[in-house]
Amino acid sequence: MDWALQDAKNRFSEVVQRAGREGPQTVTVRGVRAVVVMSAADYDALVRRRPSLVDDLLAGPAWDDELTAAVDDRAKLPSRETEL
């Protein structure tokens, strides 16, 4: 359901209760969607499904032995030296 900001402010308790019973409630400002009020359970489910950056990186393709050796053998110093 969409709520105008003023209505959502005046009936916030109802907005929260409906979010728990009916699902996310949209609040609009001057007719434009601004925020969504949702239950903690809905939010937790949404966040739980989203992988972290580390998960994404670890899920990528494995490095082959040649690439691994090249990375391990690279110079440990910066590639450019700066002059002062």
N, C-alpha and C. Protein backbone atom coordinates (compact mmCIF):
# COMPACT_ATOMS: atom_id res chain seq x y z
N MET A 1 0.84 -1.18 0.00
CA MET A 1 0.00 0.00 0.00
C MET A 1 0.89 1.24 0.00
N ASP A 2 0.45 2.28 -0.67
CA ASP A 2 1.15 3.56 -0.69
C ASP A 2 0.56 4.50 0.35
N TRP A 3 1.45 5.18 1.06
CA TRP A 3 1.04 6.15 2.07
C TRP A 3 1.70 7.48 1.74
N ALA A 4 0.92 8.55 1.76
CA ALA A 4 1.50 9.88 1.69
C ALA A 4 2.25 10.12 3.00
N LEU A 5 3.32 10.86 2.97
CA LEU A 5 4.15 11.05 4.15
C LEU A 5 3.34 11.53 5.35
N GLN A 6 2.49 12.52 5.16
CA GLN A 6 1.71 13.04 6.29
C GLN A 6 0.81 11.96 6.88
N ASP A 7 0.16 11.16 6.03
CA ASP A 7 -0.68 10.06 6.52
C ASP A 7 0.16 9.02 7.27
N ALA A 8 1.33 8.70 6.72
CA ALA A 8 2.20 7.72 7.36
C ALA A 8 2.66 8.21 8.73
N LYS A 9 2.94 9.52 8.84
CA LYS A 9 3.34 10.09 10.13
C LYS A 9 2.18 10.02 11.13
N ASN A 10 1.01 10.38 10.68
CA ASN A 10 -0.16 10.40 11.57
C ASN A 10 -0.61 9.00 11.98
N ARG A 11 -0.36 8.02 11.12
CA ARG A 11 -0.85 6.66 11.38
C ARG A 11 0.31 5.66 11.38
N PHE A 12 1.45 6.08 11.92
CA PHE A 12 2.66 5.27 11.86
C PHE A 12 2.45 3.88 12.46
N SER A 13 1.75 3.80 13.56
CA SER A 13 1.49 2.51 14.19
C SER A 13 0.78 1.57 13.22
N GLU A 14 -0.18 2.10 12.48
CA GLU A 14 -0.90 1.28 11.49
C GLU A 14 0.02 0.88 10.33
N VAL A 15 0.87 1.79 9.91
CA VAL A 15 1.82 1.47 8.84
C VAL A 15 2.69 0.29 9.27
N VAL A 16 3.20 0.33 10.50
CA VAL A 16 4.06 -0.74 11.01
C VAL A 16 3.28 -2.05 11.12
N GLN A 17 2.06 -1.99 11.64
CA GLN A 17 1.26 -3.20 11.78
C GLN A 17 0.96 -3.82 10.41
N ARG A 18 0.61 -2.99 9.44
CA ARG A 18 0.34 -3.50 8.10
C ARG A 18 1.58 -4.09 7.44
N ALA A 19 2.72 -3.49 7.71
CA ALA A 19 3.96 -4.03 7.16
C ALA A 19 4.18 -5.45 7.67
N GLY A 20 3.84 -5.68 8.93
CA GLY A 20 3.97 -7.02 9.51
C GLY A 20 2.96 -8.00 8.96
N ARG A 21 1.73 -7.54 8.73
CA ARG A 21 0.65 -8.42 8.26
C ARG A 21 0.61 -8.58 6.74
N GLU A 22 0.74 -7.46 6.03
CA GLU A 22 0.48 -7.44 4.59
C GLU A 22 1.73 -7.36 3.73
N GLY A 23 2.85 -7.00 4.33
CA GLY A 23 4.07 -6.85 3.56
C GLY A 23 4.49 -5.40 3.49
N PRO A 24 5.53 -5.12 2.74
CA PRO A 24 6.12 -3.77 2.68
C PRO A 24 5.10 -2.68 2.36
N GLN A 25 5.27 -1.53 3.03
CA GLN A 25 4.41 -0.36 2.84
C GLN A 25 5.27 0.77 2.28
N THR A 26 4.82 1.37 1.19
CA THR A 26 5.56 2.44 0.53
C THR A 26 5.08 3.79 1.02
N VAL A 27 6.04 4.67 1.35
CA VAL A 27 5.72 6.03 1.76
C VAL A 27 6.18 6.96 0.65
N THR A 28 5.29 7.87 0.24
CA THR A 28 5.61 8.80 -0.84
C THR A 28 5.76 10.21 -0.30
N VAL A 29 6.61 10.98 -0.98
CA VAL A 29 6.78 12.39 -0.68
C VAL A 29 6.47 13.14 -1.96
N ARG A 30 5.43 13.98 -1.91
CA ARG A 30 4.95 14.70 -3.08
C ARG A 30 4.67 13.77 -4.25
N GLY A 31 4.11 12.59 -3.93
CA GLY A 31 3.72 11.63 -4.96
C GLY A 31 4.84 10.74 -5.48
N VAL A 32 6.05 10.91 -4.97
CA VAL A 32 7.19 10.12 -5.43
C VAL A 32 7.59 9.14 -4.33
N ARG A 33 7.80 7.86 -4.70
CA ARG A 33 8.22 6.87 -3.71
C ARG A 33 9.48 7.33 -3.01
N ALA A 34 9.46 7.31 -1.67
CA ALA A 34 10.61 7.78 -0.90
C ALA A 34 11.23 6.65 -0.07
N VAL A 35 10.41 5.92 0.66
CA VAL A 35 10.92 4.85 1.52
C VAL A 35 9.92 3.70 1.53
N VAL A 36 10.42 2.56 2.01
CA VAL A 36 9.58 1.39 2.18
C VAL A 36 9.71 0.93 3.63
N VAL A 37 8.59 0.75 4.29
CA VAL A 37 8.57 0.23 5.66
C VAL A 37 8.27 -1.26 5.54
N MET A 38 9.15 -2.09 6.11
CA MET A 38 8.93 -3.53 6.05
C MET A 38 9.21 -4.17 7.39
N SER A 39 8.68 -5.36 7.57
CA SER A 39 8.89 -6.07 8.83
C SER A 39 10.36 -6.47 8.96
N ALA A 40 10.79 -6.68 10.18
CA ALA A 40 12.17 -7.11 10.42
C ALA A 40 12.42 -8.47 9.76
N ALA A 41 11.42 -9.34 9.76
CA ALA A 41 11.58 -10.66 9.13
C ALA A 41 11.79 -10.52 7.62
N ASP A 42 11.03 -9.64 6.98
CA ASP A 42 11.21 -9.41 5.54
C ASP A 42 12.59 -8.83 5.26
N TYR A 43 13.02 -7.89 6.09
CA TYR A 43 14.32 -7.27 5.91
C TYR A 43 15.44 -8.30 6.07
N ASP A 44 15.34 -9.13 7.13
CA ASP A 44 16.36 -10.15 7.37
C ASP A 44 16.45 -11.11 6.19
N ALA A 45 15.31 -11.51 5.65
CA ALA A 45 15.31 -12.42 4.50
C ALA A 45 15.96 -11.75 3.29
N LEU A 46 15.70 -10.48 3.10
CA LEU A 46 16.28 -9.74 1.98
C LEU A 46 17.79 -9.65 2.10
N VAL A 47 18.27 -9.31 3.28
CA VAL A 47 19.71 -9.16 3.51
C VAL A 47 20.42 -10.51 3.46
N ARG A 48 19.79 -11.53 3.97
CA ARG A 48 20.39 -12.86 4.02
C ARG A 48 20.67 -13.40 2.61
N ARG A 49 19.85 -13.06 1.64
CA ARG A 49 20.01 -13.56 0.28
C ARG A 49 21.12 -12.85 -0.48
N ARG A 50 21.55 -11.70 0.01
CA ARG A 50 22.54 -10.90 -0.70
C ARG A 50 23.95 -11.33 -0.31
N PRO A 51 24.74 -11.84 -1.26
CA PRO A 51 26.10 -12.24 -0.91
C PRO A 51 26.98 -11.02 -0.66
N SER A 52 27.99 -11.22 0.16
CA SER A 52 28.94 -10.14 0.44
C SER A 52 29.97 -10.07 -0.69
N LEU A 53 30.78 -9.02 -0.70
CA LEU A 53 31.84 -8.90 -1.68
C LEU A 53 32.80 -10.08 -1.59
N VAL A 54 33.12 -10.50 -0.39
CA VAL A 54 34.01 -11.64 -0.20
C VAL A 54 33.39 -12.89 -0.81
N ASP A 55 32.10 -13.12 -0.58
CA ASP A 55 31.42 -14.27 -1.17
C ASP A 55 31.52 -14.24 -2.68
N ASP A 56 31.28 -13.06 -3.27
CA ASP A 56 31.37 -12.92 -4.73
C ASP A 56 32.77 -13.23 -5.24
N LEU A 57 33.78 -12.72 -4.56
CA LEU A 57 35.16 -12.96 -5.00
C LEU A 57 35.54 -14.43 -4.87
N LEU A 58 35.14 -15.06 -3.77
CA LEU A 58 35.46 -16.47 -3.58
C LEU A 58 34.70 -17.38 -4.53
N ALA A 59 33.57 -16.93 -5.03
CA ALA A 59 32.77 -17.74 -5.93
C ALA A 59 33.25 -17.65 -7.38
N GLY A 60 34.21 -16.77 -7.63
CA GLY A 60 34.71 -16.59 -8.99
C GLY A 60 35.50 -17.80 -9.45
N PRO A 61 35.95 -17.76 -10.70
CA PRO A 61 36.71 -18.90 -11.23
C PRO A 61 38.05 -19.04 -10.51
N ALA A 62 38.50 -20.28 -10.40
CA ALA A 62 39.78 -20.55 -9.75
C ALA A 62 40.91 -20.09 -10.66
N TRP A 63 41.98 -19.63 -10.06
CA TRP A 63 43.15 -19.24 -10.84
C TRP A 63 43.88 -20.50 -11.28
N ASP A 64 44.35 -20.51 -12.51
CA ASP A 64 45.15 -21.66 -12.94
C ASP A 64 46.56 -21.55 -12.35
N ASP A 65 47.30 -22.62 -12.42
CA ASP A 65 48.63 -22.67 -11.79
C ASP A 65 49.59 -21.62 -12.37
N GLU A 66 49.48 -21.36 -13.66
CA GLU A 66 50.38 -20.40 -14.31
C GLU A 66 50.14 -18.99 -13.77
N LEU A 67 48.89 -18.61 -13.64
CA LEU A 67 48.57 -17.28 -13.11
C LEU A 67 49.00 -17.17 -11.65
N THR A 68 48.74 -18.20 -10.88
CA THR A 68 49.15 -18.19 -9.47
C THR A 68 50.66 -18.02 -9.35
N ALA A 69 51.42 -18.74 -10.16
CA ALA A 69 52.88 -18.63 -10.12
C ALA A 69 53.32 -17.22 -10.52
N ALA A 70 52.68 -16.63 -11.53
CA ALA A 70 53.04 -15.28 -11.98
C ALA A 70 52.79 -14.26 -10.87
N VAL A 71 51.70 -14.39 -10.17
CA VAL A 71 51.40 -13.46 -9.08
C VAL A 71 52.40 -13.65 -7.94
N ASP A 72 52.70 -14.89 -7.61
CA ASP A 72 53.64 -15.16 -6.53
C ASP A 72 55.06 -14.68 -6.86
N ASP A 73 55.43 -14.76 -8.14
CA ASP A 73 56.80 -14.42 -8.55
C ASP A 73 57.00 -12.94 -8.86
N ARG A 74 55.95 -12.16 -8.87
CA ARG A 74 56.08 -10.76 -9.25
C ARG A 74 56.97 -10.01 -8.26
N ALA A 75 57.51 -8.91 -8.71
CA ALA A 75 58.36 -8.10 -7.84
C ALA A 75 57.52 -7.58 -6.67
N LYS A 76 58.10 -7.56 -5.53
CA LYS A 76 57.37 -7.12 -4.34
C LYS A 76 57.44 -5.61 -4.15
N LEU A 77 58.28 -4.93 -4.93
CA LEU A 77 58.42 -3.49 -4.82
C LEU A 77 57.46 -2.80 -5.79
N PRO A 78 57.15 -1.54 -5.57
CA PRO A 78 56.31 -0.82 -6.52
C PRO A 78 56.93 -0.84 -7.91
N SER A 79 56.12 -0.83 -8.94
CA SER A 79 56.63 -0.92 -10.31
C SER A 79 57.32 0.36 -10.74
N ARG A 80 57.02 1.48 -10.12
CA ARG A 80 57.66 2.76 -10.46
C ARG A 80 58.33 3.31 -9.23
N GLU A 81 59.49 3.85 -9.42
CA GLU A 81 60.15 4.51 -8.31
C GLU A 81 59.93 6.00 -8.45
N THR A 82 59.68 6.64 -7.37
CA THR A 82 59.43 8.08 -7.41
C THR A 82 60.69 8.83 -7.02
N GLU A 83 60.90 9.93 -7.69
CA GLU A 83 62.05 10.77 -7.37
C GLU A 83 61.57 11.95 -6.54
N LEU A 84 62.35 12.33 -5.59
CA LEU A 84 62.00 13.47 -4.74
C LEU A 84 62.77 14.68 -5.13
